PDB file of N, CA and C in Angstrom:
ATOM      1  N   MET A   1       2.882  94.355  50.315  1.00  0.00           N
ATOM      2  CA  MET A   1       1.674  94.861  50.911  1.00  0.00           C
ATOM      3  C   MET A   1       1.960  95.343  52.326  1.00  0.00           C
ATOM      4  N   ALA A   2       1.239  96.334  52.749  1.00  0.00           N
ATOM      5  CA  ALA A   2       1.404  96.861  54.094  1.00  0.00           C
ATOM      6  C   ALA A   2       0.867  95.857  55.105  1.00  0.00           C
ATOM      7  N   GLY A   3       1.573  95.693  56.200  1.00  0.00           N
ATOM      8  CA  GLY A   3       1.128  94.803  57.256  1.00  0.00           C
ATOM      9  C   GLY A   3       1.691  93.399  57.153  1.00  0.00           C
ATOM     10  N   GLU A   4       2.167  92.997  55.987  1.00  0.00           N
ATOM     11  CA  GLU A   4       2.752  91.673  55.850  1.00  0.00           C
ATOM     12  C   GLU A   4       4.208  91.723  56.270  1.00  0.00           C
ATOM     13  N   THR A   5       4.624  90.707  56.995  1.00  0.00           N
ATOM     14  CA  THR A   5       6.022  90.640  57.403  1.00  0.00           C
ATOM     15  C   THR A   5       6.777  89.731  56.448  1.00  0.00           C
ATOM     16  N   GLU A   6       7.995  90.101  56.183  1.00  0.00           N
ATOM     17  CA  GLU A   6       8.819  89.296  55.296  1.00  0.00           C
ATOM     18  C   GLU A   6       9.291  88.059  56.047  1.00  0.00           C
ATOM     19  N   LYS A   7       9.094  86.901  55.467  1.00  0.00           N
ATOM     20  CA  LYS A   7       9.481  85.649  56.109  1.00  0.00           C
ATOM     21  C   LYS A   7      10.953  85.378  55.826  1.00  0.00           C
ATOM     22  N   LYS A   8      11.741  85.271  56.899  1.00  0.00           N
ATOM     23  CA  LYS A   8      13.170  84.993  56.764  1.00  0.00           C
ATOM     24  C   LYS A   8      13.389  83.498  56.609  1.00  0.00           C
ATOM     25  N   PRO A   9      14.409  83.114  55.860  1.00  0.00           N
ATOM     26  CA  PRO A   9      14.739  81.690  55.789  1.00  0.00           C
ATOM     27  C   PRO A   9      15.289  81.223  57.143  1.00  0.00           C
ATOM     28  N   ILE A  10      15.100  79.980  57.433  1.00  0.00           N
ATOM     29  CA  ILE A  10      15.589  79.422  58.696  1.00  0.00           C
ATOM     30  C   ILE A  10      17.091  79.207  58.625  1.00  0.00           C
ATOM     31  N   LEU A  11      17.597  78.869  57.448  1.00  0.00           N
ATOM     32  CA  LEU A  11      19.012  78.558  57.264  1.00  0.00           C
ATOM     33  C   LEU A  11      19.553  79.325  56.069  1.00  0.00           C
ATOM     34  N   GLU A  12      20.699  79.972  56.271  1.00  0.00           N
ATOM     35  CA  GLU A  12      21.398  80.644  55.177  1.00  0.00           C
ATOM     36  C   GLU A  12      22.824  80.124  55.119  1.00  0.00           C
ATOM     37  N   MET A  13      23.388  80.086  53.921  1.00  0.00           N
ATOM     38  CA  MET A  13      24.791  79.710  53.741  1.00  0.00           C
ATOM     39  C   MET A  13      25.578  80.947  53.344  1.00  0.00           C
ATOM     40  N   VAL A  14      26.727  81.136  54.010  1.00  0.00           N
ATOM     41  CA  VAL A  14      27.582  82.272  53.694  1.00  0.00           C
ATOM     42  C   VAL A  14      28.947  81.715  53.302  1.00  0.00           C
ATOM     43  N   HIS A  15      29.318  81.900  52.032  1.00  0.00           N
ATOM     44  CA  HIS A  15      30.623  81.459  51.549  1.00  0.00           C
ATOM     45  C   HIS A  15      31.597  82.615  51.658  1.00  0.00           C
ATOM     46  N   ALA A  16      32.799  82.321  52.102  1.00  0.00           N
ATOM     47  CA  ALA A  16      33.843  83.342  52.114  1.00  0.00           C
ATOM     48  C   ALA A  16      34.264  83.608  50.671  1.00  0.00           C
ATOM     49  N   GLU A  17      34.658  84.831  50.408  1.00  0.00           N
ATOM     50  CA  GLU A  17      35.090  85.171  49.054  1.00  0.00           C
ATOM     51  C   GLU A  17      36.306  84.327  48.691  1.00  0.00           C
ATOM     52  N   GLY A  18      36.220  83.638  47.583  1.00  0.00           N
ATOM     53  CA  GLY A  18      37.307  82.771  47.147  1.00  0.00           C
ATOM     54  C   GLY A  18      37.357  81.446  47.891  1.00  0.00           C
ATOM     55  N   GLY A  19      36.399  81.206  48.778  1.00  0.00           N
ATOM     56  CA  GLY A  19      36.370  79.962  49.547  1.00  0.00           C
ATOM     57  C   GLY A  19      35.775  78.818  48.754  1.00  0.00           C
ATOM     58  N   ASP A  20      35.967  77.628  49.259  1.00  0.00           N
ATOM     59  CA  ASP A  20      35.409  76.456  48.588  1.00  0.00           C
ATOM     60  C   ASP A  20      34.201  75.946  49.367  1.00  0.00           C
ATOM     61  N   GLU A  21      33.615  74.851  48.905  1.00  0.00           N
ATOM     62  CA  GLU A  21      32.430  74.288  49.539  1.00  0.00           C
ATOM     63  C   GLU A  21      32.749  73.598  50.858  1.00  0.00           C
ATOM     64  N   GLY A  22      34.019  73.408  51.150  1.00  0.00           N
ATOM     65  CA  GLY A  22      34.425  72.739  52.381  1.00  0.00           C
ATOM     66  C   GLY A  22      34.575  73.683  53.555  1.00  0.00           C
ATOM     67  N   CYS A  23      34.385  74.969  53.341  1.00  0.00           N
ATOM     68  CA  CYS A  23      34.505  75.955  54.411  1.00  0.00           C
ATOM     69  C   CYS A  23      33.333  76.935  54.291  1.00  0.00           C
ATOM     70  N   VAL A  24      32.318  76.700  55.113  1.00  0.00           N
ATOM     71  CA  VAL A  24      31.078  77.461  54.988  1.00  0.00           C
ATOM     72  C   VAL A  24      30.596  77.887  56.371  1.00  0.00           C
ATOM     73  N   THR A  25      30.005  79.078  56.423  1.00  0.00           N
ATOM     74  CA  THR A  25      29.308  79.526  57.618  1.00  0.00           C
ATOM     75  C   THR A  25      27.811  79.460  57.336  1.00  0.00           C
ATOM     76  N   PHE A  26      27.105  78.794  58.217  1.00  0.00           N
ATOM     77  CA  PHE A  26      25.655  78.682  58.125  1.00  0.00           C
ATOM     78  C   PHE A  26      25.047  79.599  59.172  1.00  0.00           C
ATOM     79  N   VAL A  27      24.052  80.356  58.793  1.00  0.00           N
ATOM     80  CA  VAL A  27      23.335  81.207  59.738  1.00  0.00           C
ATOM     81  C   VAL A  27      22.002  80.525  60.022  1.00  0.00           C
ATOM     82  N   LEU A  28      21.804  80.135  61.276  1.00  0.00           N
ATOM     83  CA  LEU A  28      20.567  79.479  61.693  1.00  0.00           C
ATOM     84  C   LEU A  28      19.747  80.478  62.496  1.00  0.00           C
ATOM     85  N   HIS A  29      18.616  80.874  61.938  1.00  0.00           N
ATOM     86  CA  HIS A  29      17.746  81.854  62.579  1.00  0.00           C
ATOM     87  C   HIS A  29      16.846  81.169  63.603  1.00  0.00           C
ATOM     88  N   GLN A  30      16.468  81.900  64.610  1.00  0.00           N
ATOM     89  CA  GLN A  30      15.596  81.430  65.688  1.00  0.00           C
ATOM     90  C   GLN A  30      16.202  80.253  66.447  1.00  0.00           C
ATOM     91  N   GLU A  31      17.518  80.249  66.606  1.00  0.00           N
ATOM     92  CA  GLU A  31      18.193  79.192  67.352  1.00  0.00           C
ATOM     93  C   GLU A  31      19.157  79.811  68.353  1.00  0.00           C
ATOM     94  N   ASP A  32      19.612  78.984  69.322  1.00  0.00           N
ATOM     95  CA  ASP A  32      20.520  79.463  70.346  1.00  0.00           C
ATOM     96  C   ASP A  32      21.472  78.336  70.754  1.00  0.00           C
ATOM     97  N   HIS A  33      22.026  78.440  71.965  1.00  0.00           N
ATOM     98  CA  HIS A  33      23.007  77.454  72.441  1.00  0.00           C
ATOM     99  C   HIS A  33      22.443  76.036  72.496  1.00  0.00           C
ATOM    100  N   THR A  34      21.146  75.894  72.685  1.00  0.00           N
ATOM    101  CA  THR A  34      20.551  74.566  72.804  1.00  0.00           C
ATOM    102  C   THR A  34      20.866  73.723  71.575  1.00  0.00           C
ATOM    103  N   LEU A  35      20.625  74.265  70.413  1.00  0.00           N
ATOM    104  CA  LEU A  35      20.948  73.541  69.187  1.00  0.00           C
ATOM    105  C   LEU A  35      22.432  73.666  68.856  1.00  0.00           C
ATOM    106  N   GLY A  36      22.998  74.844  69.022  1.00  0.00           N
ATOM    107  CA  GLY A  36      24.381  75.091  68.618  1.00  0.00           C
ATOM    108  C   GLY A  36      25.378  74.143  69.250  1.00  0.00           C
ATOM    109  N   ASN A  37      25.334  73.994  70.561  1.00  0.00           N
ATOM    110  CA  ASN A  37      26.312  73.150  71.238  1.00  0.00           C
ATOM    111  C   ASN A  37      26.104  71.668  70.928  1.00  0.00           C
ATOM    112  N   SER A  38      24.855  71.230  70.903  1.00  0.00           N
ATOM    113  CA  SER A  38      24.559  69.822  70.600  1.00  0.00           C
ATOM    114  C   SER A  38      24.970  69.465  69.176  1.00  0.00           C
ATOM    115  N   LEU A  39      24.648  70.333  68.240  1.00  0.00           N
ATOM    116  CA  LEU A  39      24.991  70.081  66.841  1.00  0.00           C
ATOM    117  C   LEU A  39      26.494  70.127  66.621  1.00  0.00           C
ATOM    118  N   ARG A  40      27.173  71.051  67.276  1.00  0.00           N
ATOM    119  CA  ARG A  40      28.633  71.128  67.176  1.00  0.00           C
ATOM    120  C   ARG A  40      29.266  69.821  67.645  1.00  0.00           C
ATOM    121  N   TYR A  41      28.771  69.286  68.758  1.00  0.00           N
ATOM    122  CA  TYR A  41      29.290  68.023  69.279  1.00  0.00           C
ATOM    123  C   TYR A  41      29.099  66.888  68.269  1.00  0.00           C
ATOM    124  N   MET A  42      27.910  66.794  67.691  1.00  0.00           N
ATOM    125  CA  MET A  42      27.628  65.713  66.739  1.00  0.00           C
ATOM    126  C   MET A  42      28.507  65.831  65.492  1.00  0.00           C
ATOM    127  N   ILE A  43      28.711  67.039  65.009  1.00  0.00           N
ATOM    128  CA  ILE A  43      29.506  67.238  63.793  1.00  0.00           C
ATOM    129  C   ILE A  43      30.979  66.985  64.056  1.00  0.00           C
ATOM    130  N   MET A  44      31.480  67.359  65.228  1.00  0.00           N
ATOM    131  CA  MET A  44      32.902  67.163  65.525  1.00  0.00           C
ATOM    132  C   MET A  44      33.272  65.691  65.658  1.00  0.00           C
ATOM    133  N   LYS A  45      32.312  64.800  65.805  1.00  0.00           N
ATOM    134  CA  LYS A  45      32.599  63.364  65.835  1.00  0.00           C
ATOM    135  C   LYS A  45      32.985  62.842  64.459  1.00  0.00           C
ATOM    136  N   ASN A  46      32.691  63.607  63.419  1.00  0.00           N
ATOM    137  CA  ASN A  46      33.006  63.223  62.049  1.00  0.00           C
ATOM    138  C   ASN A  46      34.506  63.430  61.799  1.00  0.00           C
ATOM    139  N   VAL A  47      35.210  62.375  61.385  1.00  0.00           N
ATOM    140  CA  VAL A  47      36.662  62.463  61.187  1.00  0.00           C
ATOM    141  C   VAL A  47      37.051  63.351  60.009  1.00  0.00           C
ATOM    142  N   ASP A  48      36.117  63.641  59.117  1.00  0.00           N
ATOM    143  CA  ASP A  48      36.398  64.486  57.959  1.00  0.00           C
ATOM    144  C   ASP A  48      36.226  65.974  58.250  1.00  0.00           C
ATOM    145  N   VAL A  49      35.905  66.320  59.486  1.00  0.00           N
ATOM    146  CA  VAL A  49      35.699  67.715  59.858  1.00  0.00           C
ATOM    147  C   VAL A  49      36.936  68.224  60.595  1.00  0.00           C
ATOM    148  N   ASP A  50      37.539  69.288  60.063  1.00  0.00           N
ATOM    149  CA  ASP A  50      38.690  69.926  60.705  1.00  0.00           C
ATOM    150  C   ASP A  50      38.265  70.886  61.800  1.00  0.00           C
ATOM    151  N   PHE A  51      37.207  71.638  61.552  1.00  0.00           N
ATOM    152  CA  PHE A  51      36.760  72.641  62.502  1.00  0.00           C
ATOM    153  C   PHE A  51      35.247  72.764  62.459  1.00  0.00           C
ATOM    154  N   CYS A  52      34.673  72.937  63.623  1.00  0.00           N
ATOM    155  CA  CYS A  52      33.245  73.208  63.728  1.00  0.00           C
ATOM    156  C   CYS A  52      33.031  74.050  64.984  1.00  0.00           C
ATOM    157  N   GLY A  53      32.393  75.179  64.820  1.00  0.00           N
ATOM    158  CA  GLY A  53      32.118  76.049  65.954  1.00  0.00           C
ATOM    159  C   GLY A  53      30.969  76.976  65.630  1.00  0.00           C
ATOM    160  N   TYR A  54      30.483  77.641  66.667  1.00  0.00           N
ATOM    161  CA  TYR A  54      29.373  78.563  66.443  1.00  0.00           C
ATOM    162  C   TYR A  54      29.527  79.775  67.344  1.00  0.00           C
ATOM    163  N   THR A  55      28.905  80.853  66.945  1.00  0.00           N
ATOM    164  CA  THR A  55      28.841  82.061  67.761  1.00  0.00           C
ATOM    165  C   THR A  55      27.417  82.589  67.731  1.00  0.00           C
ATOM    166  N   ILE A  56      27.065  83.251  68.810  1.00  0.00           N
ATOM    167  CA  ILE A  56      25.807  83.984  68.849  1.00  0.00           C
ATOM    168  C   ILE A  56      26.191  85.444  68.704  1.00  0.00           C
ATOM    169  N   THR A  57      25.695  86.066  67.659  1.00  0.00           N
ATOM    170  CA  THR A  57      26.144  87.411  67.301  1.00  0.00           C
ATOM    171  C   THR A  57      25.847  88.439  68.377  1.00  0.00           C
ATOM    172  N   HIS A  58      24.671  88.367  68.971  1.00  0.00           N
ATOM    173  CA  HIS A  58      24.281  89.326  70.013  1.00  0.00           C
ATOM    174  C   HIS A  58      23.168  88.698  70.844  1.00  0.00           C
ATOM    175  N   PRO A  59      23.154  88.922  72.157  1.00  0.00           N
ATOM    176  CA  PRO A  59      22.117  88.300  72.992  1.00  0.00           C
ATOM    177  C   PRO A  59      20.681  88.656  72.602  1.00  0.00           C
ATOM    178  N   SER A  60      20.490  89.807  71.975  1.00  0.00           N
ATOM    179  CA  SER A  60      19.126  90.184  71.601  1.00  0.00           C
ATOM    180  C   SER A  60      18.702  89.594  70.252  1.00  0.00           C
ATOM    181  N   GLU A  61      19.636  88.990  69.527  1.00  0.00           N
ATOM    182  CA  GLU A  61      19.303  88.345  68.258  1.00  0.00           C
ATOM    183  C   GLU A  61      19.221  86.839  68.471  1.00  0.00           C
ATOM    184  N   SER A  62      18.191  86.228  67.939  1.00  0.00           N
ATOM    185  CA  SER A  62      18.056  84.786  68.089  1.00  0.00           C
ATOM    186  C   SER A  62      18.530  84.090  66.816  1.00  0.00           C
ATOM    187  N   LYS A  63      19.834  84.153  66.619  1.00  0.00           N
ATOM    188  CA  LYS A  63      20.438  83.437  65.494  1.00  0.00           C
ATOM    189  C   LYS A  63      21.866  83.061  65.874  1.00  0.00           C
ATOM    190  N   ILE A  64      22.346  82.007  65.235  1.00  0.00           N
ATOM    191  CA  ILE A  64      23.726  81.600  65.461  1.00  0.00           C
ATOM    192  C   ILE A  64      24.450  81.506  64.130  1.00  0.00           C
ATOM    193  N   ASN A  65      25.738  81.831  64.154  1.00  0.00           N
ATOM    194  CA  ASN A  65      26.620  81.626  63.008  1.00  0.00           C
ATOM    195  C   ASN A  65      27.369  80.326  63.264  1.00  0.00           C
ATOM    196  N   PHE A  66      27.166  79.366  62.399  1.00  0.00           N
ATOM    197  CA  PHE A  66      27.688  78.016  62.580  1.00  0.00           C
ATOM    198  C   PHE A  66      28.681  77.729  61.466  1.00  0.00           C
ATOM    199  N   ARG A  67      29.958  77.556  61.805  1.00  0.00           N
ATOM    200  CA  ARG A  67      31.008  77.392  60.797  1.00  0.00           C
ATOM    201  C   ARG A  67      31.519  75.958  60.780  1.00  0.00           C
ATOM    202  N   ILE A  68      31.650  75.420  59.567  1.00  0.00           N
ATOM    203  CA  ILE A  68      32.176  74.069  59.374  1.00  0.00           C
ATOM    204  C   ILE A  68      33.278  74.133  58.340  1.00  0.00           C
ATOM    205  N   GLN A  69      34.408  73.485  58.667  1.00  0.00           N
ATOM    206  CA  GLN A  69      35.517  73.366  57.724  1.00  0.00           C
ATOM    207  C   GLN A  69      35.883  71.889  57.636  1.00  0.00           C
ATOM    208  N   THR A  70      35.895  71.354  56.414  1.00  0.00           N
ATOM    209  CA  THR A  70      36.123  69.929  56.206  1.00  0.00           C
ATOM    210  C   THR A  70      37.473  69.669  55.556  1.00  0.00           C
ATOM    211  N   ARG A  71      37.862  68.400  55.589  1.00  0.00           N
ATOM    212  CA  ARG A  71      39.086  67.954  54.916  1.00  0.00           C
ATOM    213  C   ARG A  71      38.744  67.548  53.491  1.00  0.00           C
ATOM    214  N   GLY A  72      39.689  67.719  52.613  1.00  0.00           N
ATOM    215  CA  GLY A  72      39.524  67.242  51.246  1.00  0.00           C
ATOM    216  C   GLY A  72      38.402  67.935  50.504  1.00  0.00           C
ATOM    217  N   ALA A  73      37.721  67.172  49.677  1.00  0.00           N
ATOM    218  CA  ALA A  73      36.692  67.738  48.803  1.00  0.00           C
ATOM    219  C   ALA A  73      35.284  67.592  49.368  1.00  0.00           C
ATOM    220  N   LEU A  74      35.158  67.189  50.623  1.00  0.00           N
ATOM    221  CA  LEU A  74      33.839  67.007  51.217  1.00  0.00           C
ATOM    222  C   LEU A  74      33.159  68.357  51.428  1.00  0.00           C
ATOM    223  N   PRO A  75      31.983  68.577  50.840  1.00  0.00           N
ATOM    224  CA  PRO A  75      31.267  69.839  51.060  1.00  0.00           C
ATOM    225  C   PRO A  75      30.796  69.936  52.515  1.00  0.00           C
ATOM    226  N   ALA A  76      30.832  71.131  53.079  1.00  0.00           N
ATOM    227  CA  ALA A  76      30.448  71.342  54.475  1.00  0.00           C
ATOM    228  C   ALA A  76      28.978  71.021  54.731  1.00  0.00           C
ATOM    229  N   VAL A  77      28.179  71.013  53.688  1.00  0.00           N
ATOM    230  CA  VAL A  77      26.757  70.708  53.839  1.00  0.00           C
ATOM    231  C   VAL A  77      26.559  69.262  54.301  1.00  0.00           C
ATOM    232  N   GLU A  78      27.428  68.366  53.870  1.00  0.00           N
ATOM    233  CA  GLU A  78      27.274  66.946  54.216  1.00  0.00           C
ATOM    234  C   GLU A  78      27.410  66.686  55.718  1.00  0.00           C
ATOM    235  N   PRO A  79      28.463  67.173  56.389  1.00  0.00           N
ATOM    236  CA  PRO A  79      28.520  66.968  57.842  1.00  0.00           C
ATOM    237  C   PRO A  79      27.373  67.658  58.577  1.00  0.00           C
ATOM    238  N   LEU A  80      26.918  68.800  58.073  1.00  0.00           N
ATOM    239  CA  LEU A  80      25.779  69.474  58.693  1.00  0.00           C
ATOM    240  C   LEU A  80      24.543  68.590  58.598  1.00  0.00           C
ATOM    241  N   ARG A  81      24.273  68.068  57.427  1.00  0.00           N
ATOM    242  CA  ARG A  81      23.106  67.196  57.219  1.00  0.00           C
ATOM    243  C   ARG A  81      23.206  65.943  58.099  1.00  0.00           C
ATOM    244  N   LYS A  82      24.395  65.327  58.106  1.00  0.00           N
ATOM    245  CA  LYS A  82      24.597  64.118  58.910  1.00  0.00           C
ATOM    246  C   LYS A  82      24.445  64.426  60.401  1.00  0.00           C
ATOM    247  N   GLY A  83      25.010  65.543  60.851  1.00  0.00           N
ATOM    248  CA  GLY A  83      24.908  65.927  62.255  1.00  0.00           C
ATOM    249  C   GLY A  83      23.467  66.185  62.677  1.00  0.00           C
ATOM    250  N   LEU A  84      22.708  66.861  61.829  1.00  0.00           N
ATOM    251  CA  LEU A  84      21.302  67.115  62.135  1.00  0.00           C
ATOM    252  C   LEU A  84      20.505  65.813  62.212  1.00  0.00           C
ATOM    253  N   ASN A  85      20.768  64.890  61.290  1.00  0.00           N
ATOM    254  CA  ASN A  85      20.074  63.597  61.310  1.00  0.00           C
ATOM    255  C   ASN A  85      20.433  62.793  62.552  1.00  0.00           C
ATOM    256  N   GLU A  86      21.723  62.768  62.910  1.00  0.00           N
ATOM    257  CA  GLU A  86      22.148  62.028  64.102  1.00  0.00           C
ATOM    258  C   GLU A  86      21.578  62.653  65.371  1.00  0.00           C
ATOM    259  N   LEU A  87      21.553  63.972  65.435  1.00  0.00           N
ATOM    260  CA  LEU A  87      20.983  64.649  66.594  1.00  0.00           C
ATOM    261  C   LEU A  87      19.487  64.369  66.695  1.00  0.00           C
ATOM    262  N   ASN A  88      18.807  64.332  65.574  1.00  0.00           N
ATOM    263  CA  ASN A  88      17.389  63.981  65.560  1.00  0.00           C
ATOM    264  C   ASN A  88      17.175  62.560  66.083  1.00  0.00           C
ATOM    265  N   ASP A  89      18.038  61.621  65.665  1.00  0.00           N
ATOM    266  CA  ASP A  89      17.932  60.235  66.129  1.00  0.00           C
ATOM    267  C   ASP A  89      18.132  60.137  67.641  1.00  0.00           C
ATOM    268  N   VAL A  90      19.114  60.870  68.161  1.00  0.00           N
ATOM    269  CA  VAL A  90      19.373  60.863  69.606  1.00  0.00           C
ATOM    270  C   VAL A  90      18.169  61.428  70.360  1.00  0.00           C
ATOM    271  N   CYS A  91      17.642  62.540  69.878  1.00  0.00           N
ATOM    272  CA  CYS A  91      16.478  63.152  70.534  1.00  0.00           C
ATOM    273  C   CYS A  91      15.276  62.213  70.494  1.00  0.00           C
ATOM    274  N   GLN A  92      15.085  61.528  69.387  1.00  0.00           N
ATOM    275  CA  GLN A  92      13.965  60.591  69.278  1.00  0.00           C
ATOM    276  C   GLN A  92      14.137  59.436  70.250  1.00  0.00           C
ATOM    277  N   HIS A  93      15.373  58.942  70.402  1.00  0.00           N
ATOM    278  CA  HIS A  93      15.641  57.863  71.357  1.00  0.00           C
ATOM    279  C   HIS A  93      15.343  58.318  72.790  1.00  0.00           C
ATOM    280  N   VAL A  94      15.785  59.510  73.149  1.00  0.00           N
ATOM    281  CA  VAL A  94      15.517  60.039  74.491  1.00  0.00           C
ATOM    282  C   VAL A  94      14.015  60.172  74.716  1.00  0.00           C
ATOM    283  N   LEU A  95      13.298  60.696  73.734  1.00  0.00           N
ATOM    284  CA  LEU A  95      11.851  60.851  73.853  1.00  0.00           C
ATOM    285  C   LEU A  95      11.163  59.505  74.018  1.00  0.00           C
ATOM    286  N   ASN A  96      11.554  58.508  73.211  1.00  0.00           N
ATOM    287  CA  ASN A  96      10.949  57.175  73.300  1.00  0.00           C
ATOM    288  C   ASN A  96      11.226  56.527  74.650  1.00  0.00           C
ATOM    289  N   THR A  97      12.465  56.645  75.134  1.00  0.00           N
ATOM    290  CA  THR A  97      12.830  56.065  76.426  1.00  0.00           C
ATOM    291  C   THR A  97      12.056  56.732  77.552  1.00  0.00           C
ATOM    292  N   PHE A  98      11.959  58.052  77.514  1.00  0.00           N
ATOM    293  CA  PHE A  98      11.205  58.782  78.524  1.00  0.00           C
ATOM    294  C   PHE A  98       9.745  58.351  78.527  1.00  0.00           C
ATOM    295  N   GLN A  99       9.143  58.281  77.357  1.00  0.00           N
ATOM    296  CA  GLN A  99       7.731  57.908  77.265  1.00  0.00           C
ATOM    297  C   GLN A  99       7.510  56.488  77.772  1.00  0.00           C
ATOM    298  N   ALA A 100       8.437  55.577  77.476  1.00  0.00           N
ATOM    299  CA  ALA A 100       8.306  54.199  77.965  1.00  0.00           C
ATOM    300  C   ALA A 100       8.352  54.159  79.488  1.00  0.00           C
ATOM    301  N   ARG A 101       9.235  54.933  80.099  1.00  0.00           N
ATOM    302  CA  ARG A 101       9.336  54.955  81.568  1.00  0.00           C
ATOM    303  C   ARG A 101       8.100  55.596  82.199  1.00  0.00           C
ATOM    304  N   VAL A 102       7.556  56.620  81.565  1.00  0.00           N
ATOM    305  CA  VAL A 102       6.323  57.237  82.067  1.00  0.00           C
ATOM    306  C   VAL A 102       5.192  56.216  82.028  1.00  0.00           C
ATOM    307  N   ASN A 103       5.100  55.471  80.941  1.00  0.00           N
ATOM    308  CA  ASN A 103       4.055  54.451  80.822  1.00  0.00           C
ATOM    309  C   ASN A 103       4.231  53.359  81.870  1.00  0.00           C
ATOM    310  N   GLU A 104       5.476  52.926  82.125  1.00  0.00           N
ATOM    311  CA  GLU A 104       5.738  51.927  83.161  1.00  0.00           C
ATOM    312  C   GLU A 104       5.313  52.448  84.529  1.00  0.00           C
ATOM    313  N   PHE A 105       5.625  53.701  84.803  1.00  0.00           N
ATOM    314  CA  PHE A 105       5.258  54.299  86.083  1.00  0.00           C
ATOM    315  C   PHE A 105       3.746  54.339  86.248  1.00  0.00           C
ATOM    316  N   LYS A 106       3.042  54.732  85.201  1.00  0.00           N
ATOM    317  CA  LYS A 106       1.583  54.800  85.267  1.00  0.00           C
ATOM    318  C   LYS A 106       0.976  53.418  85.483  1.00  0.00           C
ATOM    319  N   GLU A 107       1.543  52.392  84.838  1.00  0.00           N
ATOM    320  CA  GLU A 107       1.044  51.021  85.012  1.00  0.00           C
ATOM    321  C   GLU A 107       1.233  50.563  86.450  1.00  0.00           C
ATOM    322  N   ARG A 108       2.391  50.913  87.060  1.00  0.00           N
ATOM    323  CA  ARG A 108       2.622  50.520  88.462  1.00  0.00           C
ATOM    324  C   ARG A 108       1.666  51.248  89.401  1.00  0.00           C
ATOM    325  N   GLN A 109       1.294  52.462  89.076  1.00  0.00           N
ATOM    326  CA  GLN A 109       0.374  53.230  89.916  1.00  0.00           C
ATOM    327  C   GLN A 109      -1.040  52.661  89.842  1.00  0.00           C
ATOM    328  N   ASP A 110      -1.372  52.056  88.697  1.00  0.00           N
ATOM    329  CA  ASP A 110      -2.718  51.507  88.504  1.00  0.00           C
ATOM    330  C   ASP A 110      -2.885  50.136  89.154  1.00  0.00           C
ATOM    331  N   GLN A 111      -1.798  49.445  89.493  1.00  0.00           N
ATOM    332  CA  GLN A 111      -1.883  48.118  90.096  1.00  0.00           C
ATOM    333  C   GLN A 111      -2.249  48.242  91.569  1.00  0.00           C
ATOM    334  N   PRO A 112      -3.134  47.346  92.050  1.00  0.00           N
ATOM    335  CA  PRO A 112      -3.493  47.394  93.475  1.00  0.00           C
ATOM    336  C   PRO A 112      -2.311  46.951  94.341  1.00  0.00           C
ATOM    337  N   MET A 113      -2.206  47.538  95.510  1.00  0.00           N
ATOM    338  CA  MET A 113      -1.131  47.188  96.440  1.00  0.00           C
ATOM    339  C   MET A 113      -1.531  45.941  97.213  1.00  0.00           C
ATOM    340  N   ASP A 114      -0.577  45.070  97.497  1.00  0.00           N
ATOM    341  CA  ASP A 114      -0.858  43.830  98.236  1.00  0.00           C
ATOM    342  C   ASP A 114      -0.930  44.069  99.715  1.00  0.00           C
TER     343      ASP A 114
END
C-alpha cells in the first residue's frame, strides 16, 4: 500500500558462502558504538570465541556489522545470545545501584538538620 513503510528486522544473519554456523556476521539495525563496543567486550570474555569485532558501514547509516567466529562446533548465535544476556544483567545492576543511591540521597535531604 502507498504510504506504508517496510519494517526492517532489527537483526539479520549473514553467512559466508561455504561457511559454517561458527562464523557469522550479524547486522544490527538502529545501533552504533554504544552497543557494539560493550557487546564485543562481553562476547570476547567467552573462551570459545576466536574472534569478535564490529564495523559501522557508514556514519550516515545506523547499523553495525557484528562478526563472531567460534572454536569447534559452537554456533556463533550462542555467544551472541550469552553476551546480550550478560550485558543486560550488567546494565540492570548499574540501573538498580544508581536508583538505590538516588533514593538514599533523597532520604538524606528529607531528614531535618541538627
